[in-house]
Protein backbone atom coordinates (compact mmCIF):
# COMPACT_ATOMS: atom_id res chain seq x y z
CA MET A 1 1.72 5.70 -31.44
CA VAL A 2 -0.73 3.35 -33.10
CA ARG A 3 -2.85 2.34 -30.13
CA TYR A 4 -3.22 5.80 -28.59
CA GLN A 5 -5.50 8.53 -29.93
CA THR A 6 -4.08 12.05 -30.17
CA GLN A 7 -6.18 14.94 -28.89
CA ALA A 8 -5.35 18.58 -28.11
CA ILE A 9 -1.80 19.96 -27.91
CA TYR A 10 -0.63 20.09 -24.29
CA ALA A 11 2.68 21.95 -24.83
CA GLN A 12 5.20 22.89 -27.53
CA HIS A 13 8.92 23.29 -26.77
CA GLY A 14 11.00 23.69 -29.89
CA PRO A 15 10.75 20.51 -31.97
CA VAL A 16 9.14 18.59 -29.06
CA THR A 17 5.34 18.44 -29.21
CA THR A 18 3.25 17.13 -26.32
CA HIS A 19 -0.36 16.06 -26.90
CA GLN A 20 -3.10 15.03 -24.56
CA GLY A 21 -4.33 11.63 -25.69
CA LEU A 22 -6.53 8.71 -24.86
CA ASP A 23 -6.15 4.96 -24.75
CA PRO A 24 -9.28 3.72 -26.59
CA LEU A 25 -9.01 0.28 -25.00
CA THR A 26 -9.06 1.52 -21.40
CA GLY A 27 -10.55 5.00 -21.79
CA LEU A 28 -7.70 6.46 -19.67
CA PRO A 29 -5.96 9.74 -20.56
CA VAL A 30 -2.28 9.82 -21.55
CA LEU A 31 0.42 12.29 -22.61
CA LEU A 32 2.12 11.68 -25.98
CA TYR A 33 5.54 13.21 -26.72
CA THR A 34 6.84 13.44 -30.30
CA PHE A 35 10.44 14.54 -30.88
CA PRO A 36 13.49 14.00 -33.11
CA GLY A 37 15.70 11.15 -32.01
CA LYS A 38 15.38 7.99 -29.95
CA PRO A 39 13.62 8.04 -26.55
CA LEU A 40 15.83 7.86 -23.49
CA LEU A 41 13.50 5.43 -21.69
CA GLY A 42 11.59 2.29 -22.52
CA VAL A 43 8.70 0.61 -20.76
CA GLY A 44 9.80 -0.53 -17.28
CA ASP A 45 13.10 1.39 -17.26
CA LEU A 46 12.03 3.88 -14.59
CA ALA A 47 9.66 3.38 -11.65
CA SER A 48 8.94 6.31 -9.35
CA ASP A 49 6.00 7.61 -7.33
CA ASN A 50 6.78 11.11 -8.59
CA ILE A 51 7.41 10.53 -12.32
CA PRO A 52 4.62 9.54 -14.75
CA GLY A 53 4.96 5.87 -15.75
CA ILE A 54 6.08 4.97 -19.28
CA LEU A 55 3.33 3.15 -21.19
CA ALA A 56 4.92 2.96 -24.65
CA SER A 57 8.17 3.98 -26.36
CA SER A 58 8.97 3.78 -30.07
CA TYR A 59 11.46 5.00 -32.67
CA ASP A 60 11.09 4.75 -36.45
CA GLY A 61 14.66 5.73 -37.28
CA LYS A 62 13.89 9.43 -37.41
CA GLU A 63 11.24 10.37 -34.92
CA GLY A 64 10.70 9.15 -31.37
CA GLN A 65 7.42 8.84 -29.51
CA LEU A 66 6.81 8.37 -25.81
CA VAL A 67 3.49 7.75 -24.07
CA VAL A 68 3.12 8.24 -20.28
CA ALA A 69 0.25 7.84 -17.84
CA TYR A 70 -1.59 11.07 -17.10
CA SER A 71 -4.48 12.38 -15.03
CA ARG A 72 -6.17 15.70 -15.68
CA GLN A 73 -6.25 16.29 -11.93
CA TYR A 74 -2.52 17.08 -12.10
CA GLN A 75 -2.00 20.73 -13.04
CA PRO A 76 1.13 22.93 -13.22
CA LEU A 77 1.94 24.67 -9.95
CA ARG A 78 0.94 28.27 -9.43
CA GLN A 79 3.48 30.70 -8.05
CA PRO A 80 3.91 31.21 -5.15
CA VAL A 81 3.23 27.82 -3.57
CA GLU A 82 1.40 27.98 -0.23
CA ALA A 83 3.56 27.66 2.87
CA ASP A 84 2.07 24.30 3.89
CA GLY A 85 2.78 22.89 0.43
CA VAL A 86 6.49 23.78 0.27
CA LEU A 87 7.87 20.77 2.18
CA PRO A 88 5.76 18.17 0.25
CA LEU A 89 6.89 19.78 -3.02
CA LEU A 90 10.57 19.71 -2.01
CA LEU A 91 10.39 16.10 -0.84
CA ASP A 92 8.40 14.74 -3.83
CA SER A 93 10.51 16.51 -6.45
CA ALA A 94 13.78 15.50 -4.76
CA ARG A 95 12.55 11.89 -4.73
CA ALA A 96 11.91 12.17 -8.49
CA LEU A 97 15.51 13.39 -9.05
CA ARG A 98 16.85 10.51 -6.94
CA ASP A 99 14.77 7.84 -8.73
CA ALA A 100 15.77 9.18 -12.16
CA ALA A 101 19.46 9.26 -11.22
CA GLU A 102 19.28 5.68 -9.94
CA ALA A 103 17.69 4.66 -13.26
CA GLY A 104 20.51 6.44 -15.14
CA VAL A 105 18.40 9.03 -16.97
CA VAL A 106 18.88 12.82 -17.18
CA HIS A 107 15.87 15.09 -17.72
CA GLY A 108 17.64 17.92 -19.55
CA ASP A 109 14.83 20.50 -19.51
CA LEU A 110 13.60 21.05 -15.95
CA ARG A 111 11.56 24.23 -15.56
CA PRO A 112 8.60 25.32 -13.37
CA GLU A 113 5.91 24.10 -15.78
CA ARG A 114 7.25 20.54 -15.49
CA PHE A 115 6.16 20.41 -11.82
CA LEU A 116 2.57 19.12 -11.53
CA ARG A 117 0.38 18.76 -8.44
CA ALA A 118 -2.84 17.07 -7.41
CA GLY A 119 -3.66 17.71 -3.75
CA GLN A 120 -0.39 17.28 -1.85
CA HIS A 121 1.18 14.90 -4.40
CA HIS A 122 3.64 16.13 -7.02
CA LEU A 123 5.04 14.85 -10.32
CA ILE A 124 7.82 15.93 -12.67
CA GLU A 125 6.86 15.26 -16.29
CA GLY A 126 9.13 14.98 -19.31
CA TYR A 127 11.56 12.23 -18.29
CA GLY A 128 12.61 9.99 -21.19
CA VAL A 129 12.16 12.71 -23.83
CA ARG A 130 15.21 13.74 -25.85
CA TRP A 131 14.88 17.47 -25.25
CA ILE A 132 16.73 19.88 -27.52
CA PRO A 133 18.65 22.23 -25.17
CA GLN A 134 17.17 25.75 -25.17
CA ARG A 135 18.73 28.39 -22.97
CA SER A 136 16.52 29.88 -20.27
CA SER A 137 16.86 31.35 -16.80
CA TYR A 138 16.51 27.80 -15.42
CA SER A 139 19.30 26.27 -17.54
CA PRO A 140 22.61 25.38 -15.86
CA PRO A 141 25.73 27.25 -17.01
CA GLU A 142 27.28 24.10 -18.48
CA PRO A 143 26.04 23.33 -22.03
CA SER A 144 25.58 19.55 -21.85
CA PRO A 145 22.73 17.87 -19.94
CA SER A 146 23.87 16.14 -16.75
CA TYR A 147 22.68 15.05 -13.32
CA ALA A 148 24.33 18.13 -11.80
CA GLY A 149 22.56 20.27 -14.42
CA ASP A 150 19.20 18.77 -13.37
CA VAL A 151 19.98 19.67 -9.73
CA PHE A 152 20.73 23.26 -10.80
CA SER A 153 17.48 23.58 -12.81
CA TRP A 154 15.51 21.95 -9.96
CA ALA A 155 16.80 24.54 -7.48
CA LYS A 156 16.13 27.45 -9.84
CA SER A 157 12.56 26.25 -10.46
CA LEU A 158 11.80 25.87 -6.73
CA LEU A 159 13.20 29.31 -5.93
CA PHE A 160 10.72 30.70 -8.47
CA LEU A 161 7.77 28.58 -7.31
CA CYS A 162 8.17 28.86 -3.53
CA GLY A 163 9.69 32.33 -3.19
CA PRO A 164 9.30 33.79 0.31
CA HIS A 165 7.76 30.63 1.77
CA LEU A 166 11.01 28.65 1.65
CA PRO A 167 12.30 27.74 5.15
CA ALA A 168 15.83 28.82 6.12
CA GLU A 169 17.33 25.32 5.74
CA ALA A 170 15.82 25.05 2.24
CA GLY A 171 17.42 28.34 1.22
CA ASN A 172 20.85 27.10 2.30
CA LEU A 173 20.40 23.81 0.45
CA LEU A 174 19.24 25.46 -2.77
CA SER A 175 22.20 27.82 -2.65
CA ARG A 176 24.53 24.81 -2.71
CA CYS A 177 22.64 23.46 -5.72
CA LEU A 178 23.43 26.65 -7.66
CA GLY A 179 27.19 26.41 -7.15
CA GLU A 180 29.81 24.82 -9.38
CA PRO A 181 28.86 21.39 -10.79
CA GLU A 182 31.33 19.50 -8.62
CA ALA A 183 30.10 21.29 -5.47
CA ARG A 184 26.41 20.54 -6.00
CA PRO A 185 24.85 17.76 -3.89
CA LEU A 186 23.97 14.49 -5.57
CA ALA A 187 20.29 13.70 -6.07
CA ASN A 188 20.35 11.04 -3.33
CA GLU A 189 22.07 13.42 -0.88
CA LEU A 190 19.49 16.06 -1.75
CA TYR A 191 16.59 13.74 -0.95
CA GLN A 192 18.12 12.47 2.30
CA ALA A 193 18.77 16.02 3.52
CA ILE A 194 15.15 17.10 2.92
CA ALA A 195 13.71 13.88 4.39
CA ALA A 196 15.66 14.55 7.62
CA TRP A 197 14.05 17.94 8.19
CA PRO A 198 11.49 18.07 11.01
CA PRO A 199 7.86 18.36 9.90
CA PRO A 200 6.34 21.85 10.10
CA LYS A 201 4.71 22.74 13.39
CA THR A 202 0.94 22.68 13.41
CA THR A 203 -1.30 24.50 15.84
CA ILE A 204 -4.40 23.01 17.43
CA PRO A 205 -7.44 25.15 16.60
CA THR A 206 -9.07 26.69 19.65
CA THR A 207 -12.26 27.82 17.99
CA ALA A 208 -15.49 25.88 18.16
CA PRO A 209 -16.46 23.63 15.25
CA THR A 210 -17.78 25.63 12.33
CA THR A 211 -19.68 22.96 10.42
CA ALA A 212 -22.18 20.26 11.22
CA PHE A 213 -19.61 17.58 10.37
CA ASP A 214 -17.04 19.17 12.72
CA GLN A 215 -19.61 19.23 15.55
CA PHE A 216 -20.53 15.61 14.78
CA ASP A 217 -16.89 14.47 14.98
CA LEU A 218 -16.36 16.41 18.21
CA GLU A 219 -19.40 14.88 19.89
CA LEU A 220 -18.43 11.38 18.77
CA SER A 221 -14.91 11.86 20.11
CA LEU A 222 -16.15 13.13 23.47
CA SER A 223 -18.61 10.23 23.72
CA ASP A 224 -15.82 7.72 23.06
CA ASP A 225 -13.57 9.38 25.65
CA LEU A 226 -16.25 9.32 28.32
CA LEU A 227 -17.05 5.68 27.70
CA ALA A 228 -13.35 4.84 28.03
CA THR A 229 -13.00 6.31 31.56
CA PRO A 230 -12.69 4.01 34.58
CA PHE A 231 -16.03 5.26 35.95
CA SER A 232 -17.86 3.37 33.20
CA GLN A 233 -17.05 0.07 34.97
CA PRO A 234 -18.65 -1.00 38.29
CA PRO A 235 -16.26 -0.83 41.26
CA VAL A 236 -14.58 -4.03 42.34
CA VAL A 237 -15.00 -4.69 46.06
CA ALA A 238 -13.19 -7.44 47.93
CA ARG A 239 -15.47 -9.92 49.66
CA PRO A 240 -14.50 -10.47 53.29
CA GLN A 241 -13.76 -13.93 54.52
CA PRO A 242 -15.33 -15.27 57.72
CA SER A 243 -11.93 -15.81 59.32
CA GLU A 244 -10.81 -12.24 58.74
CA ARG A 245 -13.53 -10.33 60.63
CA GLU A 246 -16.07 -10.88 63.31
CA PRO A 247 -19.69 -10.80 62.14
CA LEU A 248 -21.17 -7.34 61.97
CA ALA A 249 -24.15 -8.31 64.16
CA ALA A 250 -21.84 -9.52 66.95
CA ALA A 251 -19.60 -6.46 66.75
CA ARG A 252 -22.58 -4.07 66.81
CA PRO A 253 -25.28 -5.51 69.10
CA ASP A 254 -26.95 -2.12 69.40
CA ARG A 255 -27.74 -2.05 65.65
CA PRO A 256 -30.69 -4.01 64.22
CA GLU A 257 -29.97 -6.73 61.73
CA LEU A 258 -29.41 -5.49 58.19
CA ARG A 259 -31.24 -7.23 55.43
CA THR A 260 -31.32 -6.86 51.68
CA ALA A 261 -33.26 -4.02 50.13
CA GLY A 262 -35.75 -6.59 48.84
CA ASP A 263 -36.96 -7.20 52.42
CA PHE A 264 -38.06 -3.57 52.78
CA PRO A 265 -40.56 -1.48 50.81
CA SER A 266 -37.65 0.84 50.04
CA ALA A 267 -33.91 0.77 50.62
CA GLU A 268 -33.78 4.50 51.42
CA PRO A 269 -34.02 4.09 55.27
CA LEU A 270 -30.94 1.90 55.25
CA LEU A 271 -29.00 4.24 53.01
CA ARG A 272 -29.77 7.22 55.28
CA LYS A 273 -28.39 5.49 58.40
CA LYS A 274 -24.95 6.64 59.39
CA VAL A 275 -22.52 3.77 59.92
CA ALA A 276 -19.41 4.39 61.97
CA PRO A 277 -16.17 3.38 60.23
CA GLU A 278 -14.60 0.15 61.38
CA PRO A 279 -10.92 -0.76 61.67
CA GLU A 280 -9.26 -1.29 58.32
CA THR A 281 -8.47 -4.87 57.35
CA PRO A 282 -6.31 -5.86 54.34
CA GLY A 283 -8.36 -6.95 51.38
CA PHE A 284 -11.55 -5.08 52.42
CA VAL A 285 -12.89 -1.56 52.00
CA LYS A 286 -13.87 0.73 54.87
CA MET A 287 -17.27 1.72 53.58
CA PRO A 288 -19.61 0.04 51.12
CA PRO A 289 -20.00 1.72 47.73
CA PRO A 290 -23.16 3.74 47.06
CA GLY A 291 -26.20 1.52 46.53
CA ALA A 292 -24.85 -1.46 48.53
CA THR A 293 -26.23 -3.02 51.78
CA TYR A 294 -25.09 -5.68 54.20
CA ARG A 295 -27.01 -8.89 54.76
CA THR A 296 -26.50 -11.29 57.67
CA VAL A 297 -27.43 -14.93 57.32
CA SER A 298 -28.34 -16.77 60.53
CA GLY A 299 -29.48 -20.22 59.57
CA ASP A 300 -28.55 -22.06 62.78
CA GLY A 301 -28.70 -19.19 65.18
CA ARG A 302 -25.07 -18.20 64.78
CA PRO A 303 -24.31 -14.90 63.09
CA ALA A 304 -22.66 -15.45 59.73
CA ALA A 305 -20.20 -13.31 57.83
CA PRO A 306 -21.76 -10.27 56.21
CA ILE A 307 -22.30 -10.51 52.49
CA LEU A 308 -22.06 -7.40 50.37
CA ALA A 309 -25.05 -7.06 48.04
CA PHE A 310 -25.92 -4.50 45.40
CA SER A 311 -29.40 -3.13 45.06
CA PRO A 312 -30.74 -3.34 41.48
CA ALA A 313 -32.56 -0.09 42.05
CA ALA A 314 -29.31 1.63 43.04
CA ARG A 315 -27.41 0.18 40.04
CA LYS A 316 -29.93 1.29 37.44
CA PRO A 317 -29.09 5.03 37.39
CA ARG A 318 -25.41 4.21 36.64
CA GLU A 319 -26.20 1.81 33.81
CA ALA A 320 -28.63 4.11 32.01
CA PRO A 321 -26.02 6.70 30.80
CA ILE A 322 -23.72 3.92 29.56
CA ASP A 323 -26.46 2.27 27.52
CA LEU A 324 -27.53 5.64 26.19
CA GLY A 325 -23.99 6.50 25.12
CA GLN A 326 -23.62 3.17 23.33
CA ARG A 327 -26.88 3.71 21.51
CA GLU A 328 -25.80 7.20 20.48
CA ARG A 329 -22.46 5.87 19.21
CA ALA A 330 -24.18 3.14 17.21
CA TYR A 331 -26.64 5.63 15.75
CA ARG A 332 -23.92 8.09 14.75
CA ARG A 333 -21.81 5.40 13.16
CA LEU A 334 -24.85 4.19 11.26
CA VAL A 335 -25.39 7.73 9.96
CA LEU A 336 -21.72 7.94 8.95
CA LEU A 337 -21.95 4.63 7.12
CA ALA A 338 -25.08 5.78 5.27
CA LEU A 339 -23.36 9.02 4.22
CA LEU A 340 -20.31 7.10 2.95
CA LEU A 341 -22.53 4.74 0.95
CA VAL A 342 -24.36 7.68 -0.63
CA LEU A 343 -21.04 9.35 -1.49
CA ALA A 344 -19.60 6.15 -3.00
CA THR A 345 -22.75 5.65 -5.07
CA GLY A 346 -22.55 9.21 -6.36
CA LEU A 347 -18.89 8.85 -7.33
CA ALA A 348 -19.56 5.55 -9.10
CA PHE A 349 -22.46 7.11 -11.02
CA LEU A 350 -20.31 10.09 -12.00
CA ALA A 351 -17.51 7.82 -13.25
CA PHE A 352 -20.02 5.73 -15.23
CA TRP A 353 -21.63 8.85 -16.67
CA ARG A 354 -18.29 10.26 -17.77
CA GLN A 355 -17.21 7.02 -19.40
CA GLY A 356 -20.49 5.95 -20.93
CA PHE A 357 -22.63 9.04 -21.50
CA GLY A 358 -20.76 12.22 -20.62
CA ASN A 359 -17.75 11.57 -22.84
CA ALA A 360 -17.02 15.25 -23.28
CA LEU A 361 -13.27 15.71 -23.39
CA GLY A 362 -13.19 19.50 -23.43
CA PRO A 363 -14.01 22.45 -25.69
CA GLY A 364 -13.61 21.54 -29.32
CA ILE A 365 -12.72 17.90 -28.63
CA ASN A 366 -15.05 15.26 -29.99
CA PRO A 367 -15.65 11.79 -28.52
CA VAL A 368 -13.06 9.40 -29.87
CA VAL A 369 -14.55 5.93 -29.87
CA ARG A 370 -17.36 5.65 -32.37
CA PHE A 371 -16.91 2.91 -34.99
CA ILE A 372 -14.82 -0.27 -35.04
CA VAL A 373 -13.75 -1.72 -38.40
CA ASN A 374 -12.17 -5.17 -38.55
CA VAL A 375 -9.17 -5.05 -40.87
CA GLY A 376 -7.64 -8.15 -42.45
CA VAL A 377 -4.23 -8.30 -44.16
CA GLU A 378 -2.93 -10.27 -47.12
CA PRO A 379 -0.57 -12.13 -46.95
CA ASP A 380 -2.16 -13.43 -43.76
CA ASP A 381 1.20 -14.16 -42.07
CA LEU A 382 2.00 -10.46 -41.65
CA ARG A 383 1.64 -8.91 -38.21
CA GLN A 384 2.01 -5.43 -36.73
CA VAL A 385 1.11 -3.70 -39.98
CA ARG A 386 0.53 0.05 -39.62
CA LEU A 387 -2.83 1.35 -40.81
CA VAL A 388 -2.53 5.01 -41.88
CA VAL A 389 -5.18 7.60 -42.72
CA VAL A 390 -5.05 8.96 -46.28
CA GLU A 391 -8.33 10.86 -46.13
CA SER A 392 -10.87 11.26 -43.30
CA PRO A 393 -14.41 12.71 -43.09
CA ALA A 394 -14.98 16.30 -42.02
CA GLY A 395 -14.90 16.78 -38.26
CA SER A 396 -12.56 13.86 -37.59
CA ARG A 397 -9.58 14.35 -35.31
CA LEU A 398 -7.57 11.92 -37.39
CA ARG A 399 -5.59 13.68 -40.10
CA PRO A 400 -3.84 12.31 -43.18
CA GLY A 401 -0.70 10.52 -42.06
CA ASN A 402 -2.03 9.60 -38.59
CA GLU A 403 -1.76 5.96 -37.62
CA VAL A 404 -5.08 4.39 -36.69
CA ALA A 405 -4.13 0.89 -35.53
CA THR A 406 -1.87 -2.09 -36.01
CA VAL A 407 -3.54 -4.73 -38.13
CA PRO A 408 -4.76 -7.38 -38.65
CA GLY A 409 -7.28 -6.49 -35.99
CA PRO A 410 -9.81 -3.80 -35.09
CA ALA A 411 -9.38 -0.13 -36.03
CA VAL A 412 -11.26 2.63 -34.22
CA LEU A 413 -12.67 5.43 -36.41
CA ASP A 414 -14.25 8.52 -34.89
CA ARG A 415 -16.54 9.77 -37.66
CA ALA A 416 -19.14 8.33 -39.98
CA GLY A 417 -18.45 8.84 -43.66
CA LEU A 418 -15.91 7.99 -46.33
CA TRP A 419 -12.42 6.94 -45.23
CA ARG A 420 -9.36 6.22 -47.37
CA LEU A 421 -6.86 4.02 -45.58
CA GLN A 422 -3.48 2.50 -46.44
CA ALA A 423 -1.41 -0.25 -44.80
CA ARG A 424 2.39 0.02 -44.42
CA PHE A 425 4.87 -2.61 -43.32
CA GLN A 426 8.60 -1.92 -43.60
CA ASN A 427 9.11 -1.29 -47.33
CA LEU A 428 5.69 -2.65 -48.31
CA THR A 429 2.65 -0.46 -48.94
CA SER A 430 -0.87 -1.32 -49.99
CA GLU A 431 -3.28 0.28 -52.36
CA VAL A 432 -5.55 2.91 -50.87
CA VAL A 433 -8.70 1.20 -49.60
CA VAL A 434 -11.99 3.05 -49.39
CA VAL A 435 -14.38 2.22 -46.56
CA ARG A 436 -17.65 3.90 -45.67
CA VAL A 437 -18.74 3.68 -42.03
CA PRO A 438 -21.05 2.68 -40.50
CA ASP A 439 -22.19 0.73 -43.59
CA GLU A 440 -18.95 -1.27 -43.86
CA ARG A 441 -17.41 -2.84 -40.80
CA ALA A 442 -14.79 -5.18 -42.31
CA ILE A 443 -12.12 -4.73 -45.00
CA THR A 444 -9.07 -6.64 -46.28
CA ILE A 445 -5.90 -4.86 -47.36
CA THR A 446 -3.29 -6.49 -49.62
CA LEU A 447 0.41 -5.58 -49.31
CA ARG A 448 2.61 -5.99 -52.37
CA GLU A 449 6.32 -6.03 -52.99
CA PRO A 450 7.58 -2.81 -54.62
CA ASP A 451 8.04 -3.02 -58.36
CA ALA A 452 11.63 -3.72 -59.43
CA PRO A 453 13.32 -0.74 -61.17
């Protein structure tokens, strides 16, 4: 594929070669498949959360090439899969079978190494490639690729990967997948059956937090729970109406007049006095809440209705814990925000370092983007002309016969030195052009009609 740079070999299965590659325009990694025959998929033909997306598809009449999105975080599964990873693997891979069947494409070479995982997300790679059938322990008994054959190979692969960690219902379902082709469940039925299973039971840990972050989360949760209790709000007390009750001074002539705490040096003597309970009246409480006193107003000599008043000194001890808890919550959330900002900054710096300065792609793999040469074409009305390497400097990853770019336009070369390049367009070829980088950064290639016999 012209735009994509080929790197190390990822896998080799018969005549199908898979390379790790790179898109020099975006810097993102890709997988490149090269195989005999025409690809089974084009760009946009298949969309699935569990199948790598098709970025490019081409066929030159003899050889097909397919480029798919790829992340090096996705690695082949190790056998056996952990018990908590079995259900996500079953569900993700069954969804891939369903999406492929709905798009009308058969895989034809499902085996354990096709199942990739990053965290709890899984992919099945290799869709769209015209695989040459090779018999293995994962191949269905029927010779021709089919949807039922993919279901058989899927079940065989999962039996190998999951082994003793498969739940009982999964064992029964996989057994049906290994039966005769007409008795095997369809991909959609397979996915629906797995999606209907109950999630695995999880146990709540009873041990104390083992890390500082666990302790921090526990304290924050307890603080939030305490602040959410009804005791964090002041009690609501109904205010008596004058028509509902006789004044307290008239009902209790033997008791001195009660005044607000502000009329005394301290409210403690009033709080220590024992008040006998009075008959219950709808809409009023029997006893005043802690920290409250009664006050009688006698402006014209007549006793007035008692007014319930709260002492600021008595209210202060209740407010202090609430304010303290709010301050602690704000402080902890501020610390969390600061930690998240530091983490985000570190990740951004790491990504920038990898793209700009730490462009190390692995052992024995050299950086790919080094020099850009602008290539013109004569006649100037030609487009999509293939620029092919005839000879490259020592140490270059580009070998004779590799396509560098489609021209006219820029071509990316990965080594300084002498390059011999040739342009090809249908039955037209150019003379070999010599360019030395970095001294030369622009060339023009002329295509000529083949000489008549």
